[in-house]
Amino acid sequence: MRFQGAKIKEQGVTFGIISVKPEVLHNEAQAASIQRFGVSVWGMIPIVLMAQNSRGIPTYYGRKDIVRFLSHVPFHAIPWREYSVA
């Protein structure tokens, strides 16, 4: 399985971001499942989901303090990469 994501350490907090389709943010069960997947990949860190609308504007879902922080970070400043998990 491949996914786009980022693992970030900022202000002493390490967290992961996983890029998802917008409809995932409206489905709590699916969002929780993907967050659990993120924990299985990166360990016991908070996982935030990110979806972009048709204009490329990101929306974040997850821990409120991290979502608030990310809302002020330019999208291109996030160190996105493709992860491959067997």
PDB file of N, CA and C in Angstrom:
ATOM      1  N   MET A   1       0.838  -1.177   0.000  1.00  0.00           N
ATOM      2  CA  MET A   1       0.000   0.000   0.000  1.00  0.00           C
ATOM      3  C   MET A   1       0.886   1.244   0.000  1.00  0.00           C
ATOM      4  N   ARG A   2       0.485   2.229  -0.752  1.00  0.00           N
ATOM      5  CA  ARG A   2       1.204   3.497  -0.822  1.00  0.00           C
ATOM      6  C   ARG A   2       0.280   4.624  -0.387  1.00  0.00           C
ATOM      7  N   PHE A   3       0.872   5.611   0.281  1.00  0.00           N
ATOM      8  CA  PHE A   3       0.095   6.784   0.663  1.00  0.00           C
ATOM      9  C   PHE A   3       1.006   7.994   0.757  1.00  0.00           C
ATOM     10  N   GLN A   4       0.401   9.167   0.627  1.00  0.00           N
ATOM     11  CA  GLN A   4       1.113  10.424   0.774  1.00  0.00           C
ATOM     12  C   GLN A   4       0.973  10.877   2.219  1.00  0.00           C
ATOM     13  N   GLY A   5       2.079  11.245   2.816  1.00  0.00           N
ATOM     14  CA  GLY A   5       2.014  11.675   4.205  1.00  0.00           C
ATOM     15  C   GLY A   5       3.244  12.435   4.616  1.00  0.00           C
ATOM     16  N   ALA A   6       3.247  12.788   5.889  1.00  0.00           N
ATOM     17  CA  ALA A   6       4.393  13.498   6.463  1.00  0.00           C
ATOM     18  C   ALA A   6       4.449  13.182   7.949  1.00  0.00           C
ATOM     19  N   LYS A   7       5.647  13.017   8.453  1.00  0.00           N
ATOM     20  CA  LYS A   7       5.870  12.862   9.882  1.00  0.00           C
ATOM     21  C   LYS A   7       6.647  14.094  10.315  1.00  0.00           C
ATOM     22  N   ILE A   8       6.093  14.810  11.297  1.00  0.00           N
ATOM     23  CA  ILE A   8       6.627  16.115  11.664  1.00  0.00           C
ATOM     24  C   ILE A   8       6.865  16.172  13.166  1.00  0.00           C
ATOM     25  N   LYS A   9       7.942  16.838  13.555  1.00  0.00           N
ATOM     26  CA  LYS A   9       8.168  17.157  14.961  1.00  0.00           C
ATOM     27  C   LYS A   9       8.226  18.673  15.049  1.00  0.00           C
ATOM     28  N   GLU A  10       7.300  19.233  15.794  1.00  0.00           N
ATOM     29  CA  GLU A  10       7.206  20.688  15.926  1.00  0.00           C
ATOM     30  C   GLU A  10       6.841  21.027  17.360  1.00  0.00           C
ATOM     31  N   GLN A  11       7.590  21.939  17.942  1.00  0.00           N
ATOM     32  CA  GLN A  11       7.356  22.396  19.311  1.00  0.00           C
ATOM     33  C   GLN A  11       7.280  21.218  20.285  1.00  0.00           C
ATOM     34  N   GLY A  12       8.147  20.234  20.080  1.00  0.00           N
ATOM     35  CA  GLY A  12       8.221  19.083  20.966  1.00  0.00           C
ATOM     36  C   GLY A  12       7.154  18.031  20.758  1.00  0.00           C
ATOM     37  N   VAL A  13       6.297  18.197  19.751  1.00  0.00           N
ATOM     38  CA  VAL A  13       5.231  17.234  19.462  1.00  0.00           C
ATOM     39  C   VAL A  13       5.505  16.579  18.118  1.00  0.00           C
ATOM     40  N   THR A  14       5.553  15.254  18.105  1.00  0.00           N
ATOM     41  CA  THR A  14       5.702  14.511  16.855  1.00  0.00           C
ATOM     42  C   THR A  14       4.325  14.015  16.445  1.00  0.00           C
ATOM     43  N   PHE A  15       3.979  14.223  15.183  1.00  0.00           N
ATOM     44  CA  PHE A  15       2.675  13.790  14.673  1.00  0.00           C
ATOM     45  C   PHE A  15       2.800  13.422  13.204  1.00  0.00           C
ATOM     46  N   GLY A  16       1.829  12.673  12.728  1.00  0.00           N
ATOM     47  CA  GLY A  16       1.791  12.281  11.330  1.00  0.00           C
ATOM     48  C   GLY A  16       0.606  12.906  10.627  1.00  0.00           C
ATOM     49  N   ILE A  17       0.760  13.118   9.340  1.00  0.00           N
ATOM     50  CA  ILE A  17      -0.335  13.613   8.501  1.00  0.00           C
ATOM     51  C   ILE A  17      -0.486  12.636   7.346  1.00  0.00           C
ATOM     52  N   ILE A  18      -1.720  12.242   7.069  1.00  0.00           N
ATOM     53  CA  ILE A  18      -2.001  11.359   5.940  1.00  0.00           C
ATOM     54  C   ILE A  18      -2.987  12.073   5.022  1.00  0.00           C
ATOM     55  N   SER A  19      -2.657  12.106   3.741  1.00  0.00           N
ATOM     56  CA  SER A  19      -3.528  12.702   2.737  1.00  0.00           C
ATOM     57  C   SER A  19      -4.643  11.709   2.385  1.00  0.00           C
ATOM     58  N   VAL A  20      -5.886  12.197   2.416  1.00  0.00           N
ATOM     59  CA  VAL A  20      -7.054  11.356   2.123  1.00  0.00           C
ATOM     60  C   VAL A  20      -7.991  12.080   1.165  1.00  0.00           C
ATOM     61  N   LYS A  21      -8.979  11.374   0.658  1.00  0.00           N
ATOM     62  CA  LYS A  21     -10.018  11.990  -0.166  1.00  0.00           C
ATOM     63  C   LYS A  21     -10.966  12.770   0.744  1.00  0.00           C
ATOM     64  N   PRO A  22     -11.563  13.856   0.247  1.00  0.00           N
ATOM     65  CA  PRO A  22     -12.424  14.690   1.088  1.00  0.00           C
ATOM     66  C   PRO A  22     -13.557  13.932   1.786  1.00  0.00           C
ATOM     67  N   GLU A  23     -14.123  12.935   1.136  1.00  0.00           N
ATOM     68  CA  GLU A  23     -15.249  12.218   1.753  1.00  0.00           C
ATOM     69  C   GLU A  23     -14.853  11.470   3.021  1.00  0.00           C
ATOM     70  N   VAL A  24     -13.574  11.145   3.168  1.00  0.00           N
ATOM     71  CA  VAL A  24     -13.107  10.452   4.372  1.00  0.00           C
ATOM     72  C   VAL A  24     -13.314  11.330   5.607  1.00  0.00           C
ATOM     73  N   LEU A  25     -13.150  12.640   5.459  1.00  0.00           N
ATOM     74  CA  LEU A  25     -13.292  13.543   6.595  1.00  0.00           C
ATOM     75  C   LEU A  25     -14.728  13.598   7.100  1.00  0.00           C
ATOM     76  N   HIS A  26     -15.678  13.124   6.308  1.00  0.00           N
ATOM     77  CA  HIS A  26     -17.094  13.137   6.695  1.00  0.00           C
ATOM     78  C   HIS A  26     -17.582  11.766   7.146  1.00  0.00           C
ATOM     79  N   ASN A  27     -16.667  10.826   7.268  1.00  0.00           N
ATOM     80  CA  ASN A  27     -17.023   9.466   7.681  1.00  0.00           C
ATOM     81  C   ASN A  27     -16.149   9.098   8.882  1.00  0.00           C
ATOM     82  N   GLU A  28     -16.713   9.232  10.089  1.00  0.00           N
ATOM     83  CA  GLU A  28     -15.921   9.030  11.311  1.00  0.00           C
ATOM     84  C   GLU A  28     -15.276   7.654  11.387  1.00  0.00           C
ATOM     85  N   ALA A  29     -15.993   6.618  10.981  1.00  0.00           N
ATOM     86  CA  ALA A  29     -15.456   5.255  11.052  1.00  0.00           C
ATOM     87  C   ALA A  29     -14.259   5.104  10.119  1.00  0.00           C
ATOM     88  N   GLN A  30     -14.388   5.618   8.907  1.00  0.00           N
ATOM     89  CA  GLN A  30     -13.293   5.525   7.943  1.00  0.00           C
ATOM     90  C   GLN A  30     -12.100   6.378   8.396  1.00  0.00           C
ATOM     91  N   ALA A  31     -12.372   7.575   8.909  1.00  0.00           N
ATOM     92  CA  ALA A  31     -11.293   8.439   9.395  1.00  0.00           C
ATOM     93  C   ALA A  31     -10.550   7.769  10.549  1.00  0.00           C
ATOM     94  N   ALA A  32     -11.287   7.180  11.487  1.00  0.00           N
ATOM     95  CA  ALA A  32     -10.655   6.501  12.628  1.00  0.00           C
ATOM     96  C   ALA A  32      -9.814   5.320  12.164  1.00  0.00           C
ATOM     97  N   SER A  33     -10.301   4.596  11.164  1.00  0.00           N
ATOM     98  CA  SER A  33      -9.561   3.454  10.627  1.00  0.00           C
ATOM     99  C   SER A  33      -8.230   3.906  10.018  1.00  0.00           C
ATOM    100  N   ILE A  34      -8.250   4.997   9.275  1.00  0.00           N
ATOM    101  CA  ILE A  34      -7.019   5.495   8.655  1.00  0.00           C
ATOM    102  C   ILE A  34      -6.074   6.047   9.725  1.00  0.00           C
ATOM    103  N   GLN A  35      -6.614   6.660  10.765  1.00  0.00           N
ATOM    104  CA  GLN A  35      -5.756   7.130  11.852  1.00  0.00           C
ATOM    105  C   GLN A  35      -5.085   5.946  12.548  1.00  0.00           C
ATOM    106  N   ARG A  36      -5.815   4.856  12.763  1.00  0.00           N
ATOM    107  CA  ARG A  36      -5.211   3.653  13.361  1.00  0.00           C
ATOM    108  C   ARG A  36      -4.123   3.098  12.446  1.00  0.00           C
ATOM    109  N   PHE A  37      -4.364   3.124  11.142  1.00  0.00           N
ATOM    110  CA  PHE A  37      -3.350   2.697  10.180  1.00  0.00           C
ATOM    111  C   PHE A  37      -2.087   3.545  10.346  1.00  0.00           C
ATOM    112  N   GLY A  38      -2.255   4.862  10.484  1.00  0.00           N
ATOM    113  CA  GLY A  38      -1.116   5.757  10.667  1.00  0.00           C
ATOM    114  C   GLY A  38      -0.314   5.402  11.908  1.00  0.00           C
ATOM    115  N   VAL A  39      -1.009   5.054  12.992  1.00  0.00           N
ATOM    116  CA  VAL A  39      -0.323   4.643  14.220  1.00  0.00           C
ATOM    117  C   VAL A  39       0.451   3.351  13.974  1.00  0.00           C
ATOM    118  N   SER A  40      -0.108   2.441  13.172  1.00  0.00           N
ATOM    119  CA  SER A  40       0.599   1.185  12.879  1.00  0.00           C
ATOM    120  C   SER A  40       1.868   1.437  12.060  1.00  0.00           C
ATOM    121  N   VAL A  41       1.880   2.509  11.287  1.00  0.00           N
ATOM    122  CA  VAL A  41       3.053   2.843  10.467  1.00  0.00           C
ATOM    123  C   VAL A  41       4.095   3.614  11.274  1.00  0.00           C
ATOM    124  N   TRP A  42       3.651   4.649  12.013  1.00  0.00           N
ATOM    125  CA  TRP A  42       4.574   5.560  12.681  1.00  0.00           C
ATOM    126  C   TRP A  42       4.681   5.370  14.190  1.00  0.00           C
ATOM    127  N   GLY A  43       3.867   4.523  14.767  1.00  0.00           N
ATOM    128  CA  GLY A  43       3.892   4.347  16.213  1.00  0.00           C
ATOM    129  C   GLY A  43       2.849   5.222  16.895  1.00  0.00           C
ATOM    130  N   MET A  44       2.903   5.240  18.206  1.00  0.00           N
ATOM    131  CA  MET A  44       1.885   5.919  19.008  1.00  0.00           C
ATOM    132  C   MET A  44       2.070   7.441  19.012  1.00  0.00           C
ATOM    133  N   ILE A  45       1.772   8.038  17.873  1.00  0.00           N
ATOM    134  CA  ILE A  45       1.786   9.496  17.748  1.00  0.00           C
ATOM    135  C   ILE A  45       0.423   9.924  17.222  1.00  0.00           C
ATOM    136  N   PRO A  46       0.032  11.172  17.456  1.00  0.00           N
ATOM    137  CA  PRO A  46      -1.239  11.648  16.901  1.00  0.00           C
ATOM    138  C   PRO A  46      -1.189  11.628  15.369  1.00  0.00           C
ATOM    139  N   ILE A  47      -2.292  11.237  14.764  1.00  0.00           N
ATOM    140  CA  ILE A  47      -2.394  11.216  13.305  1.00  0.00           C
ATOM    141  C   ILE A  47      -3.485  12.196  12.879  1.00  0.00           C
ATOM    142  N   VAL A  48      -3.120  13.096  11.981  1.00  0.00           N
ATOM    143  CA  VAL A  48      -4.049  14.072  11.420  1.00  0.00           C
ATOM    144  C   VAL A  48      -4.284  13.695   9.968  1.00  0.00           C
ATOM    145  N   LEU A  49      -5.531  13.801   9.538  1.00  0.00           N
ATOM    146  CA  LEU A  49      -5.864  13.545   8.135  1.00  0.00           C
ATOM    147  C   LEU A  49      -5.993  14.879   7.407  1.00  0.00           C
ATOM    148  N   MET A  50      -5.614  14.894   6.141  1.00  0.00           N
ATOM    149  CA  MET A  50      -5.691  16.098   5.334  1.00  0.00           C
ATOM    150  C   MET A  50      -6.353  15.775   4.007  1.00  0.00           C
ATOM    151  N   ALA A  51      -7.331  16.601   3.631  1.00  0.00           N
ATOM    152  CA  ALA A  51      -7.966  16.480   2.316  1.00  0.00           C
ATOM    153  C   ALA A  51      -7.965  17.855   1.662  1.00  0.00           C
ATOM    154  N   GLN A  52      -7.830  17.868   0.350  1.00  0.00           N
ATOM    155  CA  GLN A  52      -7.860  19.126  -0.396  1.00  0.00           C
ATOM    156  C   GLN A  52      -9.162  19.214  -1.172  1.00  0.00           C
ATOM    157  N   ASN A  53      -9.724  20.434  -1.233  1.00  0.00           N
ATOM    158  CA  ASN A  53     -10.926  20.625  -2.041  1.00  0.00           C
ATOM    159  C   ASN A  53     -10.519  20.805  -3.508  1.00  0.00           C
ATOM    160  N   SER A  54     -11.475  21.096  -4.356  1.00  0.00           N
ATOM    161  CA  SER A  54     -11.203  21.200  -5.799  1.00  0.00           C
ATOM    162  C   SER A  54     -10.257  22.346  -6.136  1.00  0.00           C
ATOM    163  N   ARG A  55     -10.106  23.303  -5.237  1.00  0.00           N
ATOM    164  CA  ARG A  55      -9.176  24.421  -5.462  1.00  0.00           C
ATOM    165  C   ARG A  55      -7.827  24.185  -4.814  1.00  0.00           C
ATOM    166  N   GLY A  56      -7.648  22.996  -4.190  1.00  0.00           N
ATOM    167  CA  GLY A  56      -6.376  22.660  -3.569  1.00  0.00           C
ATOM    168  C   GLY A  56      -6.220  23.165  -2.149  1.00  0.00           C
ATOM    169  N   ILE A  57      -7.291  23.685  -1.571  1.00  0.00           N
ATOM    170  CA  ILE A  57      -7.224  24.201  -0.205  1.00  0.00           C
ATOM    171  C   ILE A  57      -7.368  23.032   0.772  1.00  0.00           C
ATOM    172  N   PRO A  58      -6.396  22.879   1.697  1.00  0.00           N
ATOM    173  CA  PRO A  58      -6.441  21.741   2.610  1.00  0.00           C
ATOM    174  C   PRO A  58      -7.400  21.945   3.787  1.00  0.00           C
ATOM    175  N   THR A  59      -7.980  20.833   4.226  1.00  0.00           N
ATOM    176  CA  THR A  59      -8.756  20.769   5.460  1.00  0.00           C
ATOM    177  C   THR A  59      -8.127  19.660   6.284  1.00  0.00           C
ATOM    178  N   TYR A  60      -7.927  19.923   7.573  1.00  0.00           N
ATOM    179  CA  TYR A  60      -7.289  18.958   8.459  1.00  0.00           C
ATOM    180  C   TYR A  60      -8.300  18.403   9.451  1.00  0.00           C
ATOM    181  N   TYR A  61      -8.102  17.142   9.828  1.00  0.00           N
ATOM    182  CA  TYR A  61      -8.993  16.447  10.768  1.00  0.00           C
ATOM    183  C   TYR A  61      -8.149  15.703  11.774  1.00  0.00           C
ATOM    184  N   GLY A  62      -8.377  15.967  13.041  1.00  0.00           N
ATOM    185  CA  GLY A  62      -7.620  15.276  14.071  1.00  0.00           C
ATOM    186  C   GLY A  62      -7.541  16.101  15.325  1.00  0.00           C
ATOM    187  N   ARG A  63      -6.462  15.919  16.049  1.00  0.00           N
ATOM    188  CA  ARG A  63      -6.295  16.610  17.323  1.00  0.00           C
ATOM    189  C   ARG A  63      -6.352  18.122  17.123  1.00  0.00           C
ATOM    190  N   LYS A  64      -7.197  18.776  17.897  1.00  0.00           N
ATOM    191  CA  LYS A  64      -7.517  20.199  17.683  1.00  0.00           C
ATOM    192  C   LYS A  64      -6.294  21.112  17.698  1.00  0.00           C
ATOM    193  N   ASP A  65      -5.366  20.905  18.633  1.00  0.00           N
ATOM    194  CA  ASP A  65      -4.202  21.788  18.695  1.00  0.00           C
ATOM    195  C   ASP A  65      -3.319  21.641  17.460  1.00  0.00           C
ATOM    196  N   ILE A  66      -3.218  20.409  16.954  1.00  0.00           N
ATOM    197  CA  ILE A  66      -2.399  20.177  15.752  1.00  0.00           C
ATOM    198  C   ILE A  66      -3.100  20.743  14.524  1.00  0.00           C
ATOM    199  N   VAL A  67      -4.404  20.553  14.442  1.00  0.00           N
ATOM    200  CA  VAL A  67      -5.181  21.104  13.318  1.00  0.00           C
ATOM    201  C   VAL A  67      -5.049  22.625  13.305  1.00  0.00           C
ATOM    202  N   ARG A  68      -5.150  23.239  14.469  1.00  0.00           N
ATOM    203  CA  ARG A  68      -5.022  24.703  14.571  1.00  0.00           C
ATOM    204  C   ARG A  68      -3.628  25.134  14.098  1.00  0.00           C
ATOM    205  N   PHE A  69      -2.592  24.422  14.540  1.00  0.00           N
ATOM    206  CA  PHE A  69      -1.227  24.728  14.119  1.00  0.00           C
ATOM    207  C   PHE A  69      -1.090  24.614  12.596  1.00  0.00           C
ATOM    208  N   LEU A  70      -1.577  23.501  12.032  1.00  0.00           N
ATOM    209  CA  LEU A  70      -1.430  23.268  10.593  1.00  0.00           C
ATOM    210  C   LEU A  70      -2.201  24.288   9.756  1.00  0.00           C
ATOM    211  N   SER A  71      -3.265  24.848  10.308  1.00  0.00           N
ATOM    212  CA  SER A  71      -4.041  25.834   9.551  1.00  0.00           C
ATOM    213  C   SER A  71      -3.229  27.097   9.276  1.00  0.00           C
ATOM    214  N   HIS A  72      -2.105  27.270   9.992  1.00  0.00           N
ATOM    215  CA  HIS A  72      -1.249  28.441   9.789  1.00  0.00           C
ATOM    216  C   HIS A  72       0.054  28.101   9.057  1.00  0.00           C
ATOM    217  N   VAL A  73       0.208  26.848   8.669  1.00  0.00           N
ATOM    218  CA  VAL A  73       1.423  26.413   7.977  1.00  0.00           C
ATOM    219  C   VAL A  73       1.138  26.361   6.475  1.00  0.00           C
ATOM    220  N   PRO A  74       1.959  27.008   5.659  1.00  0.00           N
ATOM    221  CA  PRO A  74       1.753  26.914   4.204  1.00  0.00           C
ATOM    222  C   PRO A  74       1.835  25.442   3.756  1.00  0.00           C
ATOM    223  N   PHE A  75       0.913  25.045   2.918  1.00  0.00           N
ATOM    224  CA  PHE A  75       0.824  23.657   2.479  1.00  0.00           C
ATOM    225  C   PHE A  75       2.149  23.172   1.896  1.00  0.00           C
ATOM    226  N   HIS A  76       2.799  23.991   1.102  1.00  0.00           N
ATOM    227  CA  HIS A  76       4.060  23.586   0.458  1.00  0.00           C
ATOM    228  C   HIS A  76       5.213  23.447   1.459  1.00  0.00           C
ATOM    229  N   ALA A  77       5.038  23.952   2.684  1.00  0.00           N
ATOM    230  CA  ALA A  77       6.092  23.848   3.698  1.00  0.00           C
ATOM    231  C   ALA A  77       6.070  22.497   4.417  1.00  0.00           C
ATOM    232  N   ILE A  78       5.014  21.730   4.219  1.00  0.00           N
ATOM    233  CA  ILE A  78       4.923  20.412   4.845  1.00  0.00           C
ATOM    234  C   ILE A  78       5.775  19.434   4.042  1.00  0.00           C
ATOM    235  N   PRO A  79       6.623  18.635   4.712  1.00  0.00           N
ATOM    236  CA  PRO A  79       7.536  17.737   3.998  1.00  0.00           C
ATOM    237  C   PRO A  79       6.835  16.444   3.504  1.00  0.00           C
ATOM    238  N   TRP A  80       5.943  16.600   2.545  1.00  0.00           N
ATOM    239  CA  TRP A  80       5.188  15.456   2.013  1.00  0.00           C
ATOM    240  C   TRP A  80       6.118  14.473   1.329  1.00  0.00           C
ATOM    241  N   ARG A  81       5.781  13.201   1.455  1.00  0.00           N
ATOM    242  CA  ARG A  81       6.494  12.166   0.699  1.00  0.00           C
ATOM    243  C   ARG A  81       5.577  10.975   0.531  1.00  0.00           C
ATOM    244  N   GLU A  82       5.955  10.097  -0.372  1.00  0.00           N
ATOM    245  CA  GLU A  82       5.174   8.873  -0.573  1.00  0.00           C
ATOM    246  C   GLU A  82       5.758   7.770   0.310  1.00  0.00           C
ATOM    247  N   TYR A  83       4.875   7.133   1.069  1.00  0.00           N
ATOM    248  CA  TYR A  83       5.265   6.004   1.919  1.00  0.00           C
ATOM    249  C   TYR A  83       4.753   4.734   1.279  1.00  0.00           C
ATOM    250  N   SER A  84       5.507   3.690   1.402  1.00  0.00           N
ATOM    251  CA  SER A  84       5.118   2.375   0.892  1.00  0.00           C
ATOM    252  C   SER A  84       5.161   1.395   2.057  1.00  0.00           C
ATOM    253  N   VAL A  85       4.022   0.752   2.298  1.00  0.00           N
ATOM    254  CA  VAL A  85       3.905  -0.183   3.418  1.00  0.00           C
ATOM    255  C   VAL A  85       3.500  -1.537   2.855  1.00  0.00           C
ATOM    256  N   ALA A  86       4.211  -2.561   3.285  1.00  0.00           N
ATOM    257  CA  ALA A  86       3.914  -3.911   2.794  1.00  0.00           C
ATOM    258  C   ALA A  86       2.687  -4.487   3.457  1.00  0.00           C
TER     259      ALA A  86
END
